[in-house]
């Protein structure tokens, strides 16, 4: 499987607010997890162009991340800017 529990813990530890592996609820850690999954699905779709179920899942995941980023921008603009810069989402 592409996303093991060790990889999840590493993402949560790196991007969470408290910088612990158990910080799964913070917006930053969830956005980081969504970004990792989006990147994986994008690579998959480059090879499998007719996989429409995965394409739909990707669109839904991007929308979920967008809503989470909007929430974070309204809540705390500095945290929003930090996570955007750290993940390299915007150009």
PDB file of N, CA and C in Angstrom:
ATOM      1  N   UNK A   1       0.838  -1.183   0.000  1.00  0.00           N
ATOM      2  CA  UNK A   1       0.000   0.000   0.000  1.00  0.00           C
ATOM      3  C   UNK A   1       0.881   1.244   0.000  1.00  0.00           C
ATOM      4  N   UNK A   2       0.436   2.263  -0.669  1.00  0.00           N
ATOM      5  CA  UNK A   2       1.260   3.461  -0.812  1.00  0.00           C
ATOM      6  C   UNK A   2       1.316   4.304   0.448  1.00  0.00           C
ATOM      7  N   UNK A   3       0.317   4.203   1.316  1.00  0.00           N
ATOM      8  CA  UNK A   3       0.257   5.039   2.511  1.00  0.00           C
ATOM      9  C   UNK A   3       0.226   4.149   3.752  1.00  0.00           C
ATOM     10  N   UNK A   4       1.391   3.903   4.315  1.00  0.00           N
ATOM     11  CA  UNK A   4       1.480   3.070   5.500  1.00  0.00           C
ATOM     12  C   UNK A   4       1.266   3.927   6.744  1.00  0.00           C
ATOM     13  N   UNK A   5       1.062   3.275   7.863  1.00  0.00           N
ATOM     14  CA  UNK A   5       0.851   4.023   9.106  1.00  0.00           C
ATOM     15  C   UNK A   5       2.113   4.784   9.507  1.00  0.00           C
ATOM     16  N   UNK A   6       3.282   4.255   9.162  1.00  0.00           N
ATOM     17  CA  UNK A   6       4.529   4.965   9.467  1.00  0.00           C
ATOM     18  C   UNK A   6       4.613   6.266   8.662  1.00  0.00           C
ATOM     19  N   UNK A   7       4.190   6.203   7.400  1.00  0.00           N
ATOM     20  CA  UNK A   7       4.216   7.401   6.553  1.00  0.00           C
ATOM     21  C   UNK A   7       3.236   8.443   7.078  1.00  0.00           C
ATOM     22  N   UNK A   8       2.061   7.990   7.533  1.00  0.00           N
ATOM     23  CA  UNK A   8       1.079   8.904   8.111  1.00  0.00           C
ATOM     24  C   UNK A   8       1.645   9.581   9.354  1.00  0.00           C
ATOM     25  N   UNK A   9       2.253   8.799  10.240  1.00  0.00           N
ATOM     26  CA  UNK A   9       2.833   9.367  11.458  1.00  0.00           C
ATOM     27  C   UNK A   9       3.917  10.370  11.127  1.00  0.00           C
ATOM     28  N   UNK A  10       4.714  10.083  10.109  1.00  0.00           N
ATOM     29  CA  UNK A  10       5.767  11.004   9.694  1.00  0.00           C
ATOM     30  C   UNK A  10       5.164  12.323   9.192  1.00  0.00           C
ATOM     31  N   UNK A  11       4.093  12.233   8.397  1.00  0.00           N
ATOM     32  CA  UNK A  11       3.425  13.436   7.907  1.00  0.00           C
ATOM     33  C   UNK A  11       2.837  14.249   9.055  1.00  0.00           C
ATOM     34  N   UNK A  12       2.184  13.568  10.001  1.00  0.00           N
ATOM     35  CA  UNK A  12       1.574  14.270  11.125  1.00  0.00           C
ATOM     36  C   UNK A  12       2.630  14.913  12.013  1.00  0.00           C
ATOM     37  N   UNK A  13       3.744  14.217  12.191  1.00  0.00           N
ATOM     38  CA  UNK A  13       4.811  14.762  13.028  1.00  0.00           C
ATOM     39  C   UNK A  13       5.459  15.979  12.377  1.00  0.00           C
ATOM     40  N   UNK A  14       5.598  15.938  11.068  1.00  0.00           N
ATOM     41  CA  UNK A  14       6.262  17.030  10.358  1.00  0.00           C
ATOM     42  C   UNK A  14       5.380  18.262  10.232  1.00  0.00           C
ATOM     43  N   UNK A  15       4.079  18.069  10.021  1.00  0.00           N
ATOM     44  CA  UNK A  15       3.201  19.191   9.695  1.00  0.00           C
ATOM     45  C   UNK A  15       2.198  19.538  10.775  1.00  0.00           C
ATOM     46  N   UNK A  16       2.098  18.772  11.838  1.00  0.00           N
ATOM     47  CA  UNK A  16       1.126  19.070  12.879  1.00  0.00           C
ATOM     48  C   UNK A  16       1.513  20.289  13.704  1.00  0.00           C
ATOM     49  N   UNK A  17       0.542  20.824  14.409  1.00  0.00           N
ATOM     50  CA  UNK A  17       0.782  22.013  15.230  1.00  0.00           C
ATOM     51  C   UNK A  17       1.729  21.686  16.381  1.00  0.00           C
ATOM     52  N   UNK A  18       1.453  20.587  17.083  1.00  0.00           N
ATOM     53  CA  UNK A  18       2.274  20.234  18.244  1.00  0.00           C
ATOM     54  C   UNK A  18       3.489  19.413  17.857  1.00  0.00           C
ATOM     55  N   UNK A  19       3.662  19.146  16.569  1.00  0.00           N
ATOM     56  CA  UNK A  19       4.809  18.380  16.063  1.00  0.00           C
ATOM     57  C   UNK A  19       4.919  17.010  16.725  1.00  0.00           C
ATOM     58  N   UNK A  20       3.770  16.362  16.891  1.00  0.00           N
ATOM     59  CA  UNK A  20       3.787  15.003  17.412  1.00  0.00           C
ATOM     60  C   UNK A  20       3.077  14.088  16.419  1.00  0.00           C
ATOM     61  N   UNK A  21       3.371  12.821  16.502  1.00  0.00           N
ATOM     62  CA  UNK A  21       2.789  11.856  15.567  1.00  0.00           C
ATOM     63  C   UNK A  21       1.310  11.618  15.843  1.00  0.00           C
ATOM     64  N   UNK A  22       0.833  12.034  17.013  1.00  0.00           N
ATOM     65  CA  UNK A  22      -0.571  11.822  17.354  1.00  0.00           C
ATOM     66  C   UNK A  22      -1.434  13.033  17.036  1.00  0.00           C
ATOM     67  N   UNK A  23      -0.862  14.090  16.462  1.00  0.00           N
ATOM     68  CA  UNK A  23      -1.613  15.303  16.120  1.00  0.00           C
ATOM     69  C   UNK A  23      -2.268  15.111  14.759  1.00  0.00           C
ATOM     70  N   UNK A  24      -3.364  14.355  14.746  1.00  0.00           N
ATOM     71  CA  UNK A  24      -4.015  14.037  13.480  1.00  0.00           C
ATOM     72  C   UNK A  24      -5.156  14.975  13.160  1.00  0.00           C
ATOM     73  N   UNK A  25      -5.595  15.776  14.091  1.00  0.00           N
ATOM     74  CA  UNK A  25      -6.777  16.600  13.892  1.00  0.00           C
ATOM     75  C   UNK A  25      -6.504  18.010  13.440  1.00  0.00           C
ATOM     76  N   UNK A  26      -5.271  18.465  13.515  1.00  0.00           N
ATOM     77  CA  UNK A  26      -4.997  19.847  13.135  1.00  0.00           C
ATOM     78  C   UNK A  26      -5.182  20.022  11.636  1.00  0.00           C
ATOM     79  N   UNK A  27      -5.550  21.229  11.249  1.00  0.00           N
ATOM     80  CA  UNK A  27      -5.793  21.505   9.836  1.00  0.00           C
ATOM     81  C   UNK A  27      -4.528  21.295   9.008  1.00  0.00           C
ATOM     82  N   UNK A  28      -3.378  21.667   9.551  1.00  0.00           N
ATOM     83  CA  UNK A  28      -2.124  21.515   8.805  1.00  0.00           C
ATOM     84  C   UNK A  28      -1.813  20.057   8.509  1.00  0.00           C
ATOM     85  N   UNK A  29      -2.011  19.199   9.495  1.00  0.00           N
ATOM     86  CA  UNK A  29      -1.700  17.782   9.286  1.00  0.00           C
ATOM     87  C   UNK A  29      -2.677  17.151   8.292  1.00  0.00           C
ATOM     88  N   UNK A  30      -3.945  17.548   8.345  1.00  0.00           N
ATOM     89  CA  UNK A  30      -4.916  17.014   7.397  1.00  0.00           C
ATOM     90  C   UNK A  30      -4.624  17.500   5.979  1.00  0.00           C
ATOM     91  N   UNK A  31      -4.250  18.763   5.836  1.00  0.00           N
ATOM     92  CA  UNK A  31      -3.912  19.302   4.519  1.00  0.00           C
ATOM     93  C   UNK A  31      -2.686  18.590   3.961  1.00  0.00           C
ATOM     94  N   UNK A  32      -1.708  18.309   4.813  1.00  0.00           N
ATOM     95  CA  UNK A  32      -0.511  17.595   4.363  1.00  0.00           C
ATOM     96  C   UNK A  32      -0.866  16.184   3.891  1.00  0.00           C
ATOM     97  N   UNK A  33      -1.745  15.512   4.614  1.00  0.00           N
ATOM     98  CA  UNK A  33      -2.176  14.168   4.219  1.00  0.00           C
ATOM     99  C   UNK A  33      -2.939  14.214   2.894  1.00  0.00           C
ATOM    100  N   UNK A  34      -3.847  15.181   2.742  1.00  0.00           N
ATOM    101  CA  UNK A  34      -4.582  15.323   1.488  1.00  0.00           C
ATOM    102  C   UNK A  34      -3.628  15.577   0.325  1.00  0.00           C
ATOM    103  N   UNK A  35      -2.625  16.420   0.543  1.00  0.00           N
ATOM    104  CA  UNK A  35      -1.671  16.744  -0.509  1.00  0.00           C
ATOM    105  C   UNK A  35      -0.886  15.507  -0.928  1.00  0.00           C
ATOM    106  N   UNK A  36      -0.474  14.694   0.040  1.00  0.00           N
ATOM    107  CA  UNK A  36       0.252  13.459  -0.265  1.00  0.00           C
ATOM    108  C   UNK A  36      -0.622  12.534  -1.113  1.00  0.00           C
ATOM    109  N   UNK A  37      -1.883  12.391  -0.723  1.00  0.00           N
ATOM    110  CA  UNK A  37      -2.793  11.522  -1.463  1.00  0.00           C
ATOM    111  C   UNK A  37      -3.077  12.067  -2.858  1.00  0.00           C
ATOM    112  N   UNK A  38      -3.220  13.391  -2.981  1.00  0.00           N
ATOM    113  CA  UNK A  38      -3.466  14.014  -4.280  1.00  0.00           C
ATOM    114  C   UNK A  38      -2.297  13.760  -5.217  1.00  0.00           C
ATOM    115  N   UNK A  39      -1.089  13.906  -4.710  1.00  0.00           N
ATOM    116  CA  UNK A  39       0.092  13.663  -5.537  1.00  0.00           C
ATOM    117  C   UNK A  39       0.145  12.216  -6.009  1.00  0.00           C
ATOM    118  N   UNK A  40      -0.194  11.286  -5.124  1.00  0.00           N
ATOM    119  CA  UNK A  40      -0.185   9.869  -5.499  1.00  0.00           C
ATOM    120  C   UNK A  40      -1.234   9.580  -6.574  1.00  0.00           C
ATOM    121  N   UNK A  41      -2.444  10.109  -6.387  1.00  0.00           N
ATOM    122  CA  UNK A  41      -3.504   9.854  -7.366  1.00  0.00           C
ATOM    123  C   UNK A  41      -3.190  10.517  -8.707  1.00  0.00           C
ATOM    124  N   UNK A  42      -2.535  11.658  -8.694  1.00  0.00           N
ATOM    125  CA  UNK A  42      -2.161  12.323  -9.936  1.00  0.00           C
ATOM    126  C   UNK A  42      -1.176  11.475 -10.730  1.00  0.00           C
ATOM    127  N   UNK A  43      -0.198  10.892 -10.025  1.00  0.00           N
ATOM    128  CA  UNK A  43       0.754  10.005 -10.708  1.00  0.00           C
ATOM    129  C   UNK A  43       0.030   8.790 -11.299  1.00  0.00           C
ATOM    130  N   UNK A  44      -0.917   8.243 -10.548  1.00  0.00           N
ATOM    131  CA  UNK A  44      -1.675   7.082 -11.007  1.00  0.00           C
ATOM    132  C   UNK A  44      -2.467   7.422 -12.272  1.00  0.00           C
ATOM    133  N   UNK A  45      -3.077   8.601 -12.291  1.00  0.00           N
ATOM    134  CA  UNK A  45      -3.905   8.971 -13.433  1.00  0.00           C
ATOM    135  C   UNK A  45      -3.090   9.297 -14.675  1.00  0.00           C
ATOM    136  N   UNK A  46      -1.833   9.656 -14.506  1.00  0.00           N
ATOM    137  CA  UNK A  46      -0.990   9.885 -15.681  1.00  0.00           C
ATOM    138  C   UNK A  46      -0.742   8.579 -16.430  1.00  0.00           C
ATOM    139  N   UNK A  47      -0.711   7.475 -15.688  1.00  0.00           N
ATOM    140  CA  UNK A  47      -0.501   6.174 -16.318  1.00  0.00           C
ATOM    141  C   UNK A  47      -1.813   5.531 -16.759  1.00  0.00           C
ATOM    142  N   UNK A  48      -2.889   5.778 -16.022  1.00  0.00           N
ATOM    143  CA  UNK A  48      -4.180   5.145 -16.284  1.00  0.00           C
ATOM    144  C   UNK A  48      -5.219   6.221 -16.611  1.00  0.00           C
ATOM    145  N   UNK A  49      -5.227   6.656 -17.828  1.00  0.00           N
ATOM    146  CA  UNK A  49      -6.048   7.804 -18.224  1.00  0.00           C
ATOM    147  C   UNK A  49      -7.551   7.518 -18.178  1.00  0.00           C
ATOM    148  N   UNK A  50      -7.945   6.276 -18.278  1.00  0.00           N
ATOM    149  CA  UNK A  50      -9.374   5.955 -18.316  1.00  0.00           C
ATOM    150  C   UNK A  50      -9.931   5.495 -16.973  1.00  0.00           C
ATOM    151  N   UNK A  51      -9.201   5.701 -15.909  1.00  0.00           N
ATOM    152  CA  UNK A  51      -9.655   5.322 -14.575  1.00  0.00           C
ATOM    153  C   UNK A  51     -10.514   6.457 -14.012  1.00  0.00           C
ATOM    154  N   UNK A  52     -11.793   6.430 -14.350  1.00  0.00           N
ATOM    155  CA  UNK A  52     -12.675   7.538 -14.015  1.00  0.00           C
ATOM    156  C   UNK A  52     -13.086   7.544 -12.549  1.00  0.00           C
ATOM    157  N   UNK A  53     -13.092   6.395 -11.899  1.00  0.00           N
ATOM    158  CA  UNK A  53     -13.411   6.348 -10.476  1.00  0.00           C
ATOM    159  C   UNK A  53     -12.325   7.054  -9.664  1.00  0.00           C
ATOM    160  N   UNK A  54     -11.080   6.833 -10.029  1.00  0.00           N
ATOM    161  CA  UNK A  54      -9.975   7.504  -9.358  1.00  0.00           C
ATOM    162  C   UNK A  54      -9.984   8.990  -9.663  1.00  0.00           C
ATOM    163  N   UNK A  55     -10.372   9.342 -10.879  1.00  0.00           N
ATOM    164  CA  UNK A  55     -10.446  10.755 -11.251  1.00  0.00           C
ATOM    165  C   UNK A  55     -11.488  11.483 -10.396  1.00  0.00           C
ATOM    166  N   UNK A  56     -12.623  10.829 -10.169  1.00  0.00           N
ATOM    167  CA  UNK A  56     -13.667  11.420  -9.328  1.00  0.00           C
ATOM    168  C   UNK A  56     -13.182  11.556  -7.894  1.00  0.00           C
ATOM    169  N   UNK A  57     -12.500  10.541  -7.394  1.00  0.00           N
ATOM    170  CA  UNK A  57     -11.964  10.598  -6.037  1.00  0.00           C
ATOM    171  C   UNK A  57     -10.947  11.725  -5.900  1.00  0.00           C
ATOM    172  N   UNK A  58     -10.145  11.938  -6.933  1.00  0.00           N
ATOM    173  CA  UNK A  58      -9.160  13.009  -6.920  1.00  0.00           C
ATOM    174  C   UNK A  58      -9.840  14.375  -6.868  1.00  0.00           C
ATOM    175  N   UNK A  59     -10.871  14.567  -7.663  1.00  0.00           N
ATOM    176  CA  UNK A  59     -11.592  15.838  -7.672  1.00  0.00           C
ATOM    177  C   UNK A  59     -12.224  16.099  -6.299  1.00  0.00           C
ATOM    178  N   UNK A  60     -12.798  15.063  -5.703  1.00  0.00           N
ATOM    179  CA  UNK A  60     -13.401  15.228  -4.379  1.00  0.00           C
ATOM    180  C   UNK A  60     -12.349  15.555  -3.328  1.00  0.00           C
ATOM    181  N   UNK A  61     -11.194  14.945  -3.427  1.00  0.00           N
ATOM    182  CA  UNK A  61     -10.112  15.190  -2.479  1.00  0.00           C
ATOM    183  C   UNK A  61      -9.552  16.600  -2.619  1.00  0.00           C
ATOM    184  N   UNK A  62      -9.438  17.074  -3.845  1.00  0.00           N
ATOM    185  CA  UNK A  62      -8.972  18.446  -4.066  1.00  0.00           C
ATOM    186  C   UNK A  62      -9.973  19.437  -3.475  1.00  0.00           C
ATOM    187  N   UNK A  63     -11.262  19.164  -3.624  1.00  0.00           N
ATOM    188  CA  UNK A  63     -12.287  20.020  -3.032  1.00  0.00           C
ATOM    189  C   UNK A  63     -12.228  20.022  -1.521  1.00  0.00           C
ATOM    190  N   UNK A  64     -11.988  18.871  -0.948  1.00  0.00           N
ATOM    191  CA  UNK A  64     -11.858  18.757   0.505  1.00  0.00           C
ATOM    192  C   UNK A  64     -10.680  19.578   1.015  1.00  0.00           C
ATOM    193  N   UNK A  65      -9.540  19.474   0.300  1.00  0.00           N
ATOM    194  CA  UNK A  65      -8.358  20.248   0.687  1.00  0.00           C
ATOM    195  C   UNK A  65      -8.617  21.740   0.527  1.00  0.00           C
ATOM    196  N   UNK A  66      -9.324  22.114  -0.543  1.00  0.00           N
ATOM    197  CA  UNK A  66      -9.641  23.524  -0.779  1.00  0.00           C
ATOM    198  C   UNK A  66     -10.485  24.088   0.364  1.00  0.00           C
ATOM    199  N   UNK A  67     -11.496  23.311   0.800  1.00  0.00           N
ATOM    200  CA  UNK A  67     -12.341  23.756   1.913  1.00  0.00           C
ATOM    201  C   UNK A  67     -11.543  23.886   3.202  1.00  0.00           C
ATOM    202  N   UNK A  68     -10.624  22.957   3.421  1.00  0.00           N
ATOM    203  CA  UNK A  68      -9.789  23.014   4.624  1.00  0.00           C
ATOM    204  C   UNK A  68      -8.864  24.229   4.574  1.00  0.00           C
ATOM    205  N   UNK A  69      -8.313  24.529   3.403  1.00  0.00           N
ATOM    206  CA  UNK A  69      -7.458  25.709   3.255  1.00  0.00           C
ATOM    207  C   UNK A  69      -8.261  26.999   3.442  1.00  0.00           C
ATOM    208  N   UNK A  70      -9.490  27.029   2.938  1.00  0.00           N
ATOM    209  CA  UNK A  70     -10.342  28.206   3.133  1.00  0.00           C
ATOM    210  C   UNK A  70     -10.636  28.423   4.613  1.00  0.00           C
ATOM    211  N   UNK A  71     -10.925  27.336   5.318  1.00  0.00           N
ATOM    212  CA  UNK A  71     -11.167  27.418   6.753  1.00  0.00           C
ATOM    213  C   UNK A  71      -9.942  27.972   7.471  1.00  0.00           C
ATOM    214  N   UNK A  72      -8.788  27.461   7.141  1.00  0.00           N
ATOM    215  CA  UNK A  72      -7.558  27.886   7.796  1.00  0.00           C
ATOM    216  C   UNK A  72      -7.248  29.349   7.476  1.00  0.00           C
ATOM    217  N   UNK A  73      -7.554  29.780   6.258  1.00  0.00           N
ATOM    218  CA  UNK A  73      -7.305  31.173   5.883  1.00  0.00           C
ATOM    219  C   UNK A  73      -8.198  32.110   6.691  1.00  0.00           C
ATOM    220  N   UNK A  74      -9.457  31.710   6.915  1.00  0.00           N
ATOM    221  CA  UNK A  74     -10.356  32.542   7.714  1.00  0.00           C
ATOM    222  C   UNK A  74      -9.963  32.542   9.187  1.00  0.00           C
ATOM    223  N   UNK A  75      -9.475  31.397   9.651  1.00  0.00           N
ATOM    224  CA  UNK A  75      -9.167  31.235  11.072  1.00  0.00           C
ATOM    225  C   UNK A  75      -7.848  31.913  11.456  1.00  0.00           C
ATOM    226  N   UNK A  76      -6.791  31.641  10.688  1.00  0.00           N
ATOM    227  CA  UNK A  76      -5.466  32.176  11.018  1.00  0.00           C
ATOM    228  C   UNK A  76      -4.635  32.279   9.740  1.00  0.00           C
ATOM    229  N   UNK A  77      -4.484  33.488   9.240  1.00  0.00           N
ATOM    230  CA  UNK A  77      -3.817  33.700   7.949  1.00  0.00           C
ATOM    231  C   UNK A  77      -2.341  33.322   8.007  1.00  0.00           C
ATOM    232  N   UNK A  78      -1.700  33.468   9.152  1.00  0.00           N
ATOM    233  CA  UNK A  78      -0.274  33.122   9.261  1.00  0.00           C
ATOM    234  C   UNK A  78      -0.053  31.621   9.150  1.00  0.00           C
ATOM    235  N   UNK A  79      -0.910  30.823   9.766  1.00  0.00           N
ATOM    236  CA  UNK A  79      -0.812  29.365   9.643  1.00  0.00           C
ATOM    237  C   UNK A  79      -1.082  28.941   8.203  1.00  0.00           C
ATOM    238  N   UNK A  80      -2.033  29.614   7.546  1.00  0.00           N
ATOM    239  CA  UNK A  80      -2.354  29.329   6.147  1.00  0.00           C
ATOM    240  C   UNK A  80      -1.137  29.577   5.265  1.00  0.00           C
ATOM    241  N   UNK A  81      -0.520  30.717   5.421  1.00  0.00           N
ATOM    242  CA  UNK A  81       0.651  31.056   4.610  1.00  0.00           C
ATOM    243  C   UNK A  81       1.805  30.098   4.869  1.00  0.00           C
ATOM    244  N   UNK A  82       1.966  29.682   6.119  1.00  0.00           N
ATOM    245  CA  UNK A  82       3.056  28.767   6.461  1.00  0.00           C
ATOM    246  C   UNK A  82       2.865  27.406   5.796  1.00  0.00           C
ATOM    247  N   UNK A  83       1.654  26.872   5.830  1.00  0.00           N
ATOM    248  CA  UNK A  83       1.427  25.541   5.264  1.00  0.00           C
ATOM    249  C   UNK A  83       1.490  25.586   3.734  1.00  0.00           C
ATOM    250  N   UNK A  84       1.041  26.684   3.132  1.00  0.00           N
ATOM    251  CA  UNK A  84       1.136  26.828   1.677  1.00  0.00           C
ATOM    252  C   UNK A  84       2.601  26.831   1.248  1.00  0.00           C
ATOM    253  N   UNK A  85       3.406  27.581   1.987  1.00  0.00           N
ATOM    254  CA  UNK A  85       4.831  27.680   1.648  1.00  0.00           C
ATOM    255  C   UNK A  85       5.550  26.350   1.894  1.00  0.00           C
ATOM    256  N   UNK A  86       5.217  25.698   2.999  1.00  0.00           N
ATOM    257  CA  UNK A  86       5.883  24.442   3.371  1.00  0.00           C
ATOM    258  C   UNK A  86       5.584  23.322   2.383  1.00  0.00           C
ATOM    259  N   UNK A  87       4.330  23.234   1.934  1.00  0.00           N
ATOM    260  CA  UNK A  87       3.941  22.165   1.017  1.00  0.00           C
ATOM    261  C   UNK A  87       4.174  22.535  -0.442  1.00  0.00           C
ATOM    262  N   UNK A  88       4.368  23.807  -0.725  1.00  0.00           N
ATOM    263  CA  UNK A  88       4.580  24.230  -2.093  1.00  0.00           C
ATOM    264  C   UNK A  88       3.342  24.071  -2.954  1.00  0.00           C
ATOM    265  N   UNK A  89       2.178  24.366  -2.404  1.00  0.00           N
ATOM    266  CA  UNK A  89       0.927  24.187  -3.139  1.00  0.00           C
ATOM    267  C   UNK A  89       0.758  25.282  -4.187  1.00  0.00           C
ATOM    268  N   UNK A  90       1.040  26.521  -3.822  1.00  0.00           N
ATOM    269  CA  UNK A  90       0.904  27.641  -4.754  1.00  0.00           C
ATOM    270  C   UNK A  90       2.237  27.929  -5.429  1.00  0.00           C
ATOM    271  N   UNK A  91       2.159  28.537  -6.594  1.00  0.00           N
ATOM    272  CA  UNK A  91       3.386  28.872  -7.307  1.00  0.00           C
ATOM    273  C   UNK A  91       3.711  30.319  -7.146  1.00  0.00           C
TER     274      UNK A  91
END
